[in-house]
Structures are given as C-alpha cells and as structure tokens.
Amino acid sequence: MRFAFPLKSALIALVLATPITATAAGKCDRLVATGAADNPPFLWRDPQNPTRLIGANADLLGQLADSLGLKLDLLYTGDAAKALDEVRSGRVDVLADATLTLQRLEEMDFIHPAIVQLQTVAWVRNEPGFFYSSREDLRGHAGSVVAASRFGSEFDAFAKANLQLQRVADVSQGLQALVAGGSDYLLHERYSTIAAADTLGLLNRIQRLEPPVISRDMHLAISHDSACNDPWLRGQLARKMTELRAAGVARQLVAHNLTVWKNQQSGPTDTSQK
C-alpha cells in the first residue's frame, strides 16, 4: 500500500502532461472524406492523381483537419450517389458536400454552420426581355435541367405542375442549348454554372435571374457509423467552421477554385504561361 500514493500521483502527472487534443481526439487521428466527383468549384478529381478530390471543399476540410491535428484523405469514390452510400455505410467518415434532408439526418450528423449556401438559379441569355420576379414567372417558357440534379420534393411537385423542363446530360450541354436558343432558361447551381460557362467561353452570353429559385445549405456531415464520430470532433469542427465562416474563408476558397478549375481546363500551353 505504501506505493499507492506515489503511483496515483504519477498517473495524474502523466494525464496532465498529455496534450488535451490528443486525449480528446481519442479514437480518431485520420479522417477519410468523399463527395461528388464532378462539381467544380466545390469538388472534382485531381488531374494529377484521379484517386483524390480537390476543390474549395477539399481546401476547407484540409484547413479544418490541420487545425485539429488530424490527417485527411479526400478520396474519389464515384458519383454523388456512390459517395453518399460510402458515408452512409461508415466506410467513409465525412461527406464533404452534404445537403440537409430528413433522411440524411437519420444517417449522419451535420456540422453547423454550413460551408456555403447553394443557390439554384434560372440562367437566361444575356439579352433583354425576360421578365422575372419569382419562379412563377418561368411558366410558359421552355426550360432545361441537368438530369442528375435533385431539388427536393416541394420543387419537384411545383415543376411537374407548372414548368416545361427538358433534361440534359450535363451543365455544358444545357448552356450550349441555352445560348443556341434551344431553351429559354437553364436551372442550375450558381457557382458550378459559372465554372462551366467560363470554361466554354459563354460567361458573357448568359445572366442569372434573381431571386434564386431554390436556396439550400451545403454542409460537412459525419456518418453515424464512423469510428471518428464523437462529441469532441463534432464540437471542434463546428467551432472551427464558425471561425472560418466569420473570416470569409469559404467564399474566398470558392473564388480561388473557380480560377484553379478554369486554368486546368485551359490546357498545358496556357497553364505554363501563367
């Protein structure tokens, strides 16, 4: 028994000497994340290493992981549906581009505040004559929408009852049809449309109508089945996200990655001259 007190004192000293972050992080020192693989400027496959994703959300998550002393792997796992399945299953810890729905709340924890607000807007040709004050004014016009887009049940019901929408394979096809007069408007997310239009050289031939047709927040979300999902990590991510949002970092990264994406599409010649 005479050794009990010194042993207890030694254990307390050891605990106090251990960095708080290491103790709190506990079971997790590496995050594996994924997301939609074709959604610039937020996420897209790295041309130099197609197994990983880059973009504004990748940069943001990298900053968060660095600030918490965590290693990060941001992996390509397929399209948006496949990425969601990987996070649902717990095989991947974090979905880097999650939009909040009731079903997803049952499968993952969303980090607040959001990364950015996604605005689905009506894009029209850059010419006068399209009167618009709300989505009601899209009635009677021929529109187009990317086939893989998901807007939610409320808007889907409105569109089915009121709008004439033709599905296109991707945003590039939709933009080309729009400027050629094949449709009167294109419904698509603001920043990804800018990325595609700038790459195609069509940015000065289109304009977006305000207000947005739909506004939704994009979040980081952690799988309920992730071994890394604990209160400490969720709390730290929320705190760091609050700091970064207040500093305007998320918007800065979106603007920066619009340029990165455009330069990558310009080809080796243009890139070498910059």
C-alpha atoms as a PDB file:
ATOM      1  CA  MET A   1       0.000   0.000   0.000  1.00  0.00           C
ATOM      2  CA  ARG A   2       2.913   2.362   0.528  1.00  0.00           C
ATOM      3  CA  PHE A   3       3.308   2.651  -3.259  1.00  0.00           C
ATOM      4  CA  ALA A   4      -0.333   3.591  -3.873  1.00  0.00           C
ATOM      5  CA  PHE A   5       0.065   7.321  -3.350  1.00  0.00           C
ATOM      6  CA  PRO A   6       3.212   7.755  -5.468  1.00  0.00           C
ATOM      7  CA  LEU A   7       1.668   5.633  -8.273  1.00  0.00           C
ATOM      8  CA  LYS A   8      -1.547   7.667  -8.222  1.00  0.00           C
ATOM      9  CA  SER A   9       0.463  10.895  -8.303  1.00  0.00           C
ATOM     10  CA  ALA A  10       2.473   9.634 -11.263  1.00  0.00           C
ATOM     11  CA  LEU A  11      -0.677   8.762 -13.201  1.00  0.00           C
ATOM     12  CA  ILE A  12      -2.174  12.200 -12.568  1.00  0.00           C
ATOM     13  CA  ALA A  13       1.051  13.845 -13.702  1.00  0.00           C
ATOM     14  CA  LEU A  14       1.040  11.754 -16.873  1.00  0.00           C
ATOM     15  CA  VAL A  15      -2.549  12.742 -17.665  1.00  0.00           C
ATOM     16  CA  LEU A  16      -1.820  16.426 -17.065  1.00  0.00           C
ATOM     17  CA  ALA A  17       1.237  16.213 -19.285  1.00  0.00           C
ATOM     18  CA  THR A  18      -0.735  14.717 -22.182  1.00  0.00           C
ATOM     19  CA  PRO A  19      -1.899  17.294 -24.768  1.00  0.00           C
ATOM     20  CA  ILE A  20      -5.623  17.947 -24.431  1.00  0.00           C
ATOM     21  CA  THR A  21      -6.262  17.498 -28.139  1.00  0.00           C
ATOM     22  CA  ALA A  22      -4.671  14.075 -28.193  1.00  0.00           C
ATOM     23  CA  THR A  23      -6.797  12.932 -25.257  1.00  0.00           C
ATOM     24  CA  ALA A  24      -9.993  14.412 -26.643  1.00  0.00           C
ATOM     25  CA  ALA A  25      -9.480  13.120 -30.149  1.00  0.00           C
ATOM     26  CA  GLY A  26      -9.102   9.649 -28.698  1.00  0.00           C
ATOM     27  CA  LYS A  27     -10.040   7.054 -31.261  1.00  0.00           C
ATOM     28  CA  CYS A  28      -9.588   9.216 -34.364  1.00  0.00           C
ATOM     29  CA  ASP A  29      -6.403  10.645 -35.831  1.00  0.00           C
ATOM     30  CA  ARG A  30      -7.331  10.358 -39.526  1.00  0.00           C
ATOM     31  CA  LEU A  31     -10.452  11.410 -41.416  1.00  0.00           C
ATOM     32  CA  VAL A  32     -11.499   9.819 -44.685  1.00  0.00           C
ATOM     33  CA  ALA A  33     -13.846  12.006 -46.721  1.00  0.00           C
ATOM     34  CA  THR A  34     -15.526  11.969 -50.108  1.00  0.00           C
ATOM     35  CA  GLY A  35     -18.123  13.828 -52.158  1.00  0.00           C
ATOM     36  CA  ALA A  36     -19.467  14.396 -55.653  1.00  0.00           C
ATOM     37  CA  ALA A  37     -16.577  13.998 -58.069  1.00  0.00           C
ATOM     38  CA  ASP A  38     -17.729  16.396 -60.788  1.00  0.00           C
ATOM     39  CA  ASN A  39     -18.875  19.571 -59.083  1.00  0.00           C
ATOM     40  CA  PRO A  40     -16.362  22.378 -59.573  1.00  0.00           C
ATOM     41  CA  PRO A  41     -15.521  24.692 -57.885  1.00  0.00           C
ATOM     42  CA  PHE A  42     -16.509  22.643 -54.817  1.00  0.00           C
ATOM     43  CA  LEU A  43     -15.067  19.214 -55.655  1.00  0.00           C
ATOM     44  CA  TRP A  44     -13.563  17.466 -58.655  1.00  0.00           C
ATOM     45  CA  ARG A  45     -10.969  14.777 -59.384  1.00  0.00           C
ATOM     46  CA  ASP A  46      -7.331  15.807 -59.225  1.00  0.00           C
ATOM     47  CA  PRO A  47      -5.896  15.543 -62.781  1.00  0.00           C
ATOM     48  CA  GLN A  48      -2.525  14.639 -61.266  1.00  0.00           C
ATOM     49  CA  ASN A  49      -3.998  11.947 -59.003  1.00  0.00           C
ATOM     50  CA  PRO A  50      -7.522  10.849 -60.014  1.00  0.00           C
ATOM     51  CA  THR A  51      -7.958   8.806 -56.813  1.00  0.00           C
ATOM     52  CA  ARG A  52      -8.329  12.013 -54.786  1.00  0.00           C
ATOM     53  CA  LEU A  53     -10.615  15.050 -54.871  1.00  0.00           C
ATOM     54  CA  ILE A  54      -9.635  18.716 -54.914  1.00  0.00           C
ATOM     55  CA  GLY A  55     -11.583  21.975 -54.852  1.00  0.00           C
ATOM     56  CA  ALA A  56     -12.939  24.563 -52.417  1.00  0.00           C
ATOM     57  CA  ASN A  57     -14.464  21.994 -50.049  1.00  0.00           C
ATOM     58  CA  ALA A  58     -11.275  19.952 -50.117  1.00  0.00           C
ATOM     59  CA  ASP A  59      -9.222  23.016 -49.201  1.00  0.00           C
ATOM     60  CA  LEU A  60     -11.633  23.929 -46.407  1.00  0.00           C
ATOM     61  CA  LEU A  61     -11.673  20.426 -44.953  1.00  0.00           C
ATOM     62  CA  GLY A  62      -7.888  20.366 -45.181  1.00  0.00           C
ATOM     63  CA  GLN A  63      -7.660  23.538 -43.115  1.00  0.00           C
ATOM     64  CA  LEU A  64     -10.032  22.087 -40.527  1.00  0.00           C
ATOM     65  CA  ALA A  65      -8.096  18.833 -40.289  1.00  0.00           C
ATOM     66  CA  ASP A  66      -4.759  20.647 -39.975  1.00  0.00           C
ATOM     67  CA  SER A  67      -6.076  22.874 -37.201  1.00  0.00           C
ATOM     68  CA  LEU A  68      -7.187  19.789 -35.244  1.00  0.00           C
ATOM     69  CA  GLY A  69      -4.036  17.785 -35.849  1.00  0.00           C
ATOM     70  CA  LEU A  70      -5.841  15.203 -37.974  1.00  0.00           C
ATOM     71  CA  LYS A  71      -4.651  13.535 -41.159  1.00  0.00           C
ATOM     72  CA  LEU A  72      -7.064  13.748 -44.079  1.00  0.00           C
ATOM     73  CA  ASP A  73      -7.722  11.539 -47.086  1.00  0.00           C
ATOM     74  CA  LEU A  74     -10.246  13.031 -49.531  1.00  0.00           C
ATOM     75  CA  LEU A  75     -10.968  10.173 -51.904  1.00  0.00           C
ATOM     76  CA  TYR A  76     -12.790   9.719 -55.177  1.00  0.00           C
ATOM     77  CA  THR A  77     -15.445   7.058 -54.644  1.00  0.00           C
ATOM     78  CA  GLY A  78     -17.678   7.624 -57.682  1.00  0.00           C
ATOM     79  CA  ASP A  79     -20.600   9.912 -58.448  1.00  0.00           C
ATOM     80  CA  ALA A  80     -22.671  11.765 -55.843  1.00  0.00           C
ATOM     81  CA  ALA A  81     -24.928   8.771 -55.158  1.00  0.00           C
ATOM     82  CA  LYS A  82     -21.968   6.437 -54.633  1.00  0.00           C
ATOM     83  CA  ALA A  83     -20.233   8.954 -52.380  1.00  0.00           C
ATOM     84  CA  LEU A  84     -23.365   9.204 -50.252  1.00  0.00           C
ATOM     85  CA  ASP A  85     -23.588   5.407 -49.978  1.00  0.00           C
ATOM     86  CA  GLU A  86     -19.963   5.173 -48.812  1.00  0.00           C
ATOM     87  CA  VAL A  87     -20.629   7.659 -45.996  1.00  0.00           C
ATOM     88  CA  ARG A  88     -23.955   6.075 -45.039  1.00  0.00           C
ATOM     89  CA  SER A  89     -22.199   2.748 -44.595  1.00  0.00           C
ATOM     90  CA  GLY A  90     -19.461   4.223 -42.396  1.00  0.00           C
ATOM     91  CA  ARG A  91     -16.740   3.058 -44.781  1.00  0.00           C
ATOM     92  CA  VAL A  92     -16.011   6.774 -45.261  1.00  0.00           C
ATOM     93  CA  ASP A  93     -16.220   9.189 -42.326  1.00  0.00           C
ATOM     94  CA  VAL A  94     -17.212  12.523 -43.878  1.00  0.00           C
ATOM     95  CA  LEU A  95     -19.375  13.717 -46.757  1.00  0.00           C
ATOM     96  CA  ALA A  96     -17.773  16.982 -47.843  1.00  0.00           C
ATOM     97  CA  ASP A  97     -20.770  18.382 -49.761  1.00  0.00           C
ATOM     98  CA  ALA A  98     -23.906  17.282 -47.918  1.00  0.00           C
ATOM     99  CA  THR A  99     -27.283  18.989 -48.288  1.00  0.00           C
ATOM    100  CA  LEU A 100     -29.586  18.564 -45.334  1.00  0.00           C
ATOM    101  CA  THR A 101     -32.652  16.331 -45.683  1.00  0.00           C
ATOM    102  CA  LEU A 102     -34.748  14.468 -43.120  1.00  0.00           C
ATOM    103  CA  GLN A 103     -33.471  11.117 -44.374  1.00  0.00           C
ATOM    104  CA  ARG A 104     -29.850  12.168 -44.124  1.00  0.00           C
ATOM    105  CA  LEU A 105     -30.366  13.404 -40.576  1.00  0.00           C
ATOM    106  CA  GLU A 106     -31.077   9.773 -39.704  1.00  0.00           C
ATOM    107  CA  GLU A 107     -27.765   8.677 -41.229  1.00  0.00           C
ATOM    108  CA  MET A 108     -25.238  11.398 -40.410  1.00  0.00           C
ATOM    109  CA  ASP A 109     -24.522  14.397 -38.179  1.00  0.00           C
ATOM    110  CA  PHE A 110     -24.368  17.754 -39.943  1.00  0.00           C
ATOM    111  CA  ILE A 111     -21.746  20.299 -38.954  1.00  0.00           C
ATOM    112  CA  HIS A 112     -23.035  23.841 -38.450  1.00  0.00           C
ATOM    113  CA  PRO A 113     -22.637  26.445 -39.763  1.00  0.00           C
ATOM    114  CA  ALA A 114     -22.903  25.472 -43.411  1.00  0.00           C
ATOM    115  CA  ILE A 115     -19.959  25.787 -45.793  1.00  0.00           C
ATOM    116  CA  VAL A 116     -21.880  27.944 -48.284  1.00  0.00           C
ATOM    117  CA  GLN A 117     -25.414  28.485 -49.456  1.00  0.00           C
ATOM    118  CA  LEU A 118     -26.159  26.754 -52.744  1.00  0.00           C
ATOM    119  CA  GLN A 119     -28.383  28.830 -54.990  1.00  0.00           C
ATOM    120  CA  THR A 120     -30.172  27.168 -57.872  1.00  0.00           C
ATOM    121  CA  VAL A 121     -30.991  29.998 -60.254  1.00  0.00           C
ATOM    122  CA  ALA A 122     -32.581  30.422 -63.663  1.00  0.00           C
ATOM    123  CA  TRP A 123     -29.932  31.285 -66.245  1.00  0.00           C
ATOM    124  CA  VAL A 124     -31.040  33.071 -69.420  1.00  0.00           C
ATOM    125  CA  ARG A 125     -29.361  34.572 -72.453  1.00  0.00           C
ATOM    126  CA  ASN A 126     -27.719  37.923 -71.839  1.00  0.00           C
ATOM    127  CA  GLU A 127     -30.373  39.937 -73.613  1.00  0.00           C
ATOM    128  CA  PRO A 128     -33.405  41.968 -72.509  1.00  0.00           C
ATOM    129  CA  GLY A 129     -36.976  40.766 -72.489  1.00  0.00           C
ATOM    130  CA  PHE A 130     -37.221  38.070 -69.805  1.00  0.00           C
ATOM    131  CA  PHE A 131     -39.442  39.442 -67.040  1.00  0.00           C
ATOM    132  CA  TYR A 132     -38.753  37.643 -63.769  1.00  0.00           C
ATOM    133  CA  SER A 133     -39.554  38.239 -60.115  1.00  0.00           C
ATOM    134  CA  SER A 134     -40.126  34.679 -58.852  1.00  0.00           C
ATOM    135  CA  ARG A 135     -40.237  31.067 -60.065  1.00  0.00           C
ATOM    136  CA  GLU A 136     -43.876  31.642 -61.081  1.00  0.00           C
ATOM    137  CA  ASP A 137     -42.573  33.705 -63.998  1.00  0.00           C
ATOM    138  CA  LEU A 138     -40.908  30.615 -65.505  1.00  0.00           C
ATOM    139  CA  ARG A 139     -44.346  29.323 -66.523  1.00  0.00           C
ATOM    140  CA  GLY A 140     -44.858  29.242 -70.254  1.00  0.00           C
ATOM    141  CA  HIS A 141     -41.115  29.214 -71.019  1.00  0.00           C
ATOM    142  CA  ALA A 142     -39.118  26.214 -72.207  1.00  0.00           C
ATOM    143  CA  GLY A 143     -36.522  25.308 -69.604  1.00  0.00           C
ATOM    144  CA  SER A 144     -33.800  22.731 -69.172  1.00  0.00           C
ATOM    145  CA  VAL A 145     -32.311  20.988 -66.167  1.00  0.00           C
ATOM    146  CA  VAL A 146     -29.363  18.629 -65.695  1.00  0.00           C
ATOM    147  CA  ALA A 147     -30.699  15.080 -65.406  1.00  0.00           C
ATOM    148  CA  ALA A 148     -28.766  14.286 -62.214  1.00  0.00           C
ATOM    149  CA  SER A 149     -29.998  17.390 -60.352  1.00  0.00           C
ATOM    150  CA  ARG A 150     -32.057  16.922 -57.197  1.00  0.00           C
ATOM    151  CA  PHE A 151     -34.129  19.852 -55.940  1.00  0.00           C
ATOM    152  CA  GLY A 152     -36.372  18.289 -53.300  1.00  0.00           C
ATOM    153  CA  SER A 153     -39.958  17.081 -53.278  1.00  0.00           C
ATOM    154  CA  GLU A 154     -41.553  20.528 -52.918  1.00  0.00           C
ATOM    155  CA  PHE A 155     -39.906  21.977 -56.003  1.00  0.00           C
ATOM    156  CA  ASP A 156     -40.330  18.738 -57.945  1.00  0.00           C
ATOM    157  CA  ALA A 157     -44.089  18.946 -57.370  1.00  0.00           C
ATOM    158  CA  PHE A 158     -44.145  22.603 -58.432  1.00  0.00           C
ATOM    159  CA  ALA A 159     -42.105  21.870 -61.561  1.00  0.00           C
ATOM    160  CA  LYS A 160     -44.271  18.925 -62.555  1.00  0.00           C
ATOM    161  CA  ALA A 161     -47.424  21.023 -62.287  1.00  0.00           C
ATOM    162  CA  ASN A 162     -46.149  24.274 -63.755  1.00  0.00           C
ATOM    163  CA  LEU A 163     -42.907  24.077 -65.718  1.00  0.00           C
ATOM    164  CA  GLN A 164     -41.770  22.742 -69.088  1.00  0.00           C
ATOM    165  CA  LEU A 165     -38.394  21.176 -68.319  1.00  0.00           C
ATOM    166  CA  GLN A 166     -36.237  19.175 -70.676  1.00  0.00           C
ATOM    167  CA  ARG A 167     -33.454  17.085 -69.137  1.00  0.00           C
ATOM    168  CA  VAL A 168     -29.889  17.470 -70.435  1.00  0.00           C
ATOM    169  CA  ALA A 169     -26.862  15.288 -69.786  1.00  0.00           C
ATOM    170  CA  ASP A 170     -24.757  17.932 -68.031  1.00  0.00           C
ATOM    171  CA  VAL A 171     -24.462  21.661 -67.441  1.00  0.00           C
ATOM    172  CA  SER A 172     -22.266  22.169 -70.522  1.00  0.00           C
ATOM    173  CA  GLN A 173     -24.942  20.722 -72.787  1.00  0.00           C
ATOM    174  CA  GLY A 174     -27.561  22.867 -71.051  1.00  0.00           C
ATOM    175  CA  LEU A 175     -25.530  26.040 -71.538  1.00  0.00           C
ATOM    176  CA  GLN A 176     -24.869  25.331 -75.188  1.00  0.00           C
ATOM    177  CA  ALA A 177     -28.552  24.678 -75.808  1.00  0.00           C
ATOM    178  CA  LEU A 178     -29.449  27.896 -73.992  1.00  0.00           C
ATOM    179  CA  VAL A 179     -27.197  30.206 -75.995  1.00  0.00           C
ATOM    180  CA  ALA A 180     -28.227  28.468 -79.229  1.00  0.00           C
ATOM    181  CA  GLY A 181     -31.885  29.189 -78.490  1.00  0.00           C
ATOM    182  CA  GLY A 182     -32.851  25.601 -77.756  1.00  0.00           C
ATOM    183  CA  SER A 183     -34.276  26.622 -74.381  1.00  0.00           C
ATOM    184  CA  ASP A 184     -35.352  29.828 -72.693  1.00  0.00           C
ATOM    185  CA  TYR A 185     -33.644  29.158 -69.371  1.00  0.00           C
ATOM    186  CA  LEU A 186     -31.422  26.665 -67.553  1.00  0.00           C
ATOM    187  CA  LEU A 187     -31.953  25.761 -63.907  1.00  0.00           C
ATOM    188  CA  HIS A 188     -28.629  25.068 -62.207  1.00  0.00           C
ATOM    189  CA  GLU A 189     -26.480  25.911 -59.182  1.00  0.00           C
ATOM    190  CA  ARG A 190     -24.821  29.310 -59.354  1.00  0.00           C
ATOM    191  CA  TYR A 191     -21.111  28.594 -58.868  1.00  0.00           C
ATOM    192  CA  SER A 192     -20.917  25.357 -60.837  1.00  0.00           C
ATOM    193  CA  THR A 193     -22.655  27.109 -63.753  1.00  0.00           C
ATOM    194  CA  ILE A 194     -20.094  29.913 -63.614  1.00  0.00           C
ATOM    195  CA  ALA A 195     -17.281  27.330 -63.710  1.00  0.00           C
ATOM    196  CA  ALA A 196     -18.768  25.568 -66.745  1.00  0.00           C
ATOM    197  CA  ALA A 197     -19.709  28.757 -68.619  1.00  0.00           C
ATOM    198  CA  ASP A 198     -16.283  30.311 -68.099  1.00  0.00           C
ATOM    199  CA  THR A 199     -14.596  27.166 -69.408  1.00  0.00           C
ATOM    200  CA  LEU A 200     -16.838  27.201 -72.512  1.00  0.00           C
ATOM    201  CA  GLY A 201     -16.290  30.917 -73.102  1.00  0.00           C
ATOM    202  CA  LEU A 202     -20.009  31.602 -72.596  1.00  0.00           C
ATOM    203  CA  LEU A 203     -19.938  33.608 -69.387  1.00  0.00           C
ATOM    204  CA  ASN A 204     -20.636  36.927 -71.126  1.00  0.00           C
ATOM    205  CA  ARG A 205     -23.545  35.420 -73.066  1.00  0.00           C
ATOM    206  CA  ILE A 206     -25.656  34.423 -70.066  1.00  0.00           C
ATOM    207  CA  GLN A 207     -27.079  36.093 -66.980  1.00  0.00           C
ATOM    208  CA  ARG A 208     -28.683  34.791 -63.832  1.00  0.00           C
ATOM    209  CA  LEU A 209     -32.133  35.839 -62.668  1.00  0.00           C
ATOM    210  CA  GLU A 210     -32.730  36.936 -59.087  1.00  0.00           C
ATOM    211  CA  PRO A 211     -34.027  35.837 -56.639  1.00  0.00           C
ATOM    212  CA  PRO A 212     -32.833  32.202 -56.673  1.00  0.00           C
ATOM    213  CA  VAL A 213     -35.370  29.507 -57.454  1.00  0.00           C
ATOM    214  CA  ILE A 214     -34.055  27.349 -54.591  1.00  0.00           C
ATOM    215  CA  SER A 215     -31.571  28.056 -51.787  1.00  0.00           C
ATOM    216  CA  ARG A 216     -30.021  25.220 -49.787  1.00  0.00           C
ATOM    217  CA  ASP A 217     -27.051  24.990 -47.450  1.00  0.00           C
ATOM    218  CA  MET A 218     -24.044  22.775 -48.131  1.00  0.00           C
ATOM    219  CA  HIS A 219     -22.534  21.152 -45.031  1.00  0.00           C
ATOM    220  CA  LEU A 220     -19.873  18.794 -43.862  1.00  0.00           C
ATOM    221  CA  ALA A 221     -21.574  15.698 -42.437  1.00  0.00           C
ATOM    222  CA  ILE A 222     -20.181  12.782 -40.407  1.00  0.00           C
ATOM    223  CA  SER A 223     -21.577   9.286 -40.758  1.00  0.00           C
ATOM    224  CA  HIS A 224     -23.381   7.895 -37.711  1.00  0.00           C
ATOM    225  CA  ASP A 225     -21.382   4.711 -38.292  1.00  0.00           C
ATOM    226  CA  SER A 226     -17.992   6.426 -38.490  1.00  0.00           C
ATOM    227  CA  ALA A 227     -15.481   5.420 -35.831  1.00  0.00           C
ATOM    228  CA  CYS A 228     -14.467   9.104 -35.723  1.00  0.00           C
ATOM    229  CA  ASN A 229     -17.950  10.387 -34.873  1.00  0.00           C
ATOM    230  CA  ASP A 230     -17.762  11.613 -31.303  1.00  0.00           C
ATOM    231  CA  PRO A 231     -18.868  14.783 -29.459  1.00  0.00           C
ATOM    232  CA  TRP A 232     -15.352  16.199 -29.280  1.00  0.00           C
ATOM    233  CA  LEU A 233     -14.794  16.055 -33.030  1.00  0.00           C
ATOM    234  CA  ARG A 234     -18.240  17.423 -33.879  1.00  0.00           C
ATOM    235  CA  GLY A 235     -17.760  20.270 -31.426  1.00  0.00           C
ATOM    236  CA  GLN A 236     -14.303  21.156 -32.713  1.00  0.00           C
ATOM    237  CA  LEU A 237     -15.419  21.077 -36.350  1.00  0.00           C
ATOM    238  CA  ALA A 238     -18.360  23.340 -35.529  1.00  0.00           C
ATOM    239  CA  ARG A 239     -16.099  25.789 -33.682  1.00  0.00           C
ATOM    240  CA  LYS A 240     -13.547  25.915 -36.483  1.00  0.00           C
ATOM    241  CA  MET A 241     -16.258  26.223 -39.149  1.00  0.00           C
ATOM    242  CA  THR A 242     -17.738  29.176 -37.258  1.00  0.00           C
ATOM    243  CA  GLU A 243     -14.338  30.887 -37.231  1.00  0.00           C
ATOM    244  CA  LEU A 244     -13.691  30.247 -40.919  1.00  0.00           C
ATOM    245  CA  ARG A 245     -17.164  31.390 -41.991  1.00  0.00           C
ATOM    246  CA  ALA A 246     -16.810  34.589 -39.972  1.00  0.00           C
ATOM    247  CA  ALA A 247     -13.490  35.270 -41.689  1.00  0.00           C
ATOM    248  CA  GLY A 248     -14.985  34.748 -45.146  1.00  0.00           C
ATOM    249  CA  VAL A 249     -12.670  31.820 -45.865  1.00  0.00           C
ATOM    250  CA  ALA A 250     -15.293  29.618 -47.545  1.00  0.00           C
ATOM    251  CA  ARG A 251     -16.186  32.265 -50.149  1.00  0.00           C
ATOM    252  CA  GLN A 252     -12.522  33.025 -50.764  1.00  0.00           C
ATOM    253  CA  LEU A 253     -11.846  29.352 -51.444  1.00  0.00           C
ATOM    254  CA  VAL A 254     -14.776  29.160 -53.874  1.00  0.00           C
ATOM    255  CA  ALA A 255     -13.441  32.176 -55.806  1.00  0.00           C
ATOM    256  CA  HIS A 256      -9.894  30.764 -55.803  1.00  0.00           C
ATOM    257  CA  ASN A 257     -11.015  27.361 -57.047  1.00  0.00           C
ATOM    258  CA  LEU A 258     -13.067  28.872 -59.858  1.00  0.00           C
ATOM    259  CA  THR A 259      -9.732  30.163 -61.144  1.00  0.00           C
ATOM    260  CA  VAL A 260      -7.959  26.847 -60.494  1.00  0.00           C
ATOM    261  CA  TRP A 261     -10.631  24.953 -62.425  1.00  0.00           C
ATOM    262  CA  LYS A 262     -10.527  27.384 -65.367  1.00  0.00           C
ATOM    263  CA  ASN A 263      -6.722  27.181 -65.576  1.00  0.00           C
ATOM    264  CA  GLN A 264      -6.836  23.377 -65.556  1.00  0.00           C
ATOM    265  CA  GLN A 265      -9.285  23.388 -68.466  1.00  0.00           C
ATOM    266  CA  SER A 266      -7.105  25.792 -70.459  1.00  0.00           C
ATOM    267  CA  GLY A 267      -4.591  23.081 -71.238  1.00  0.00           C
ATOM    268  CA  PRO A 268      -0.825  22.743 -70.757  1.00  0.00           C
ATOM    269  CA  THR A 269       0.048  25.702 -73.002  1.00  0.00           C
ATOM    270  CA  ASP A 270      -1.999  28.287 -71.138  1.00  0.00           C
ATOM    271  CA  THR A 271      -1.077  26.876 -67.748  1.00  0.00           C
ATOM    272  CA  SER A 272       2.662  27.153 -68.499  1.00  0.00           C
ATOM    273  CA  GLN A 273       2.296  30.813 -69.418  1.00  0.00           C
ATOM    274  CA  LYS A 274       0.691  31.810 -66.120  1.00  0.00           C
END
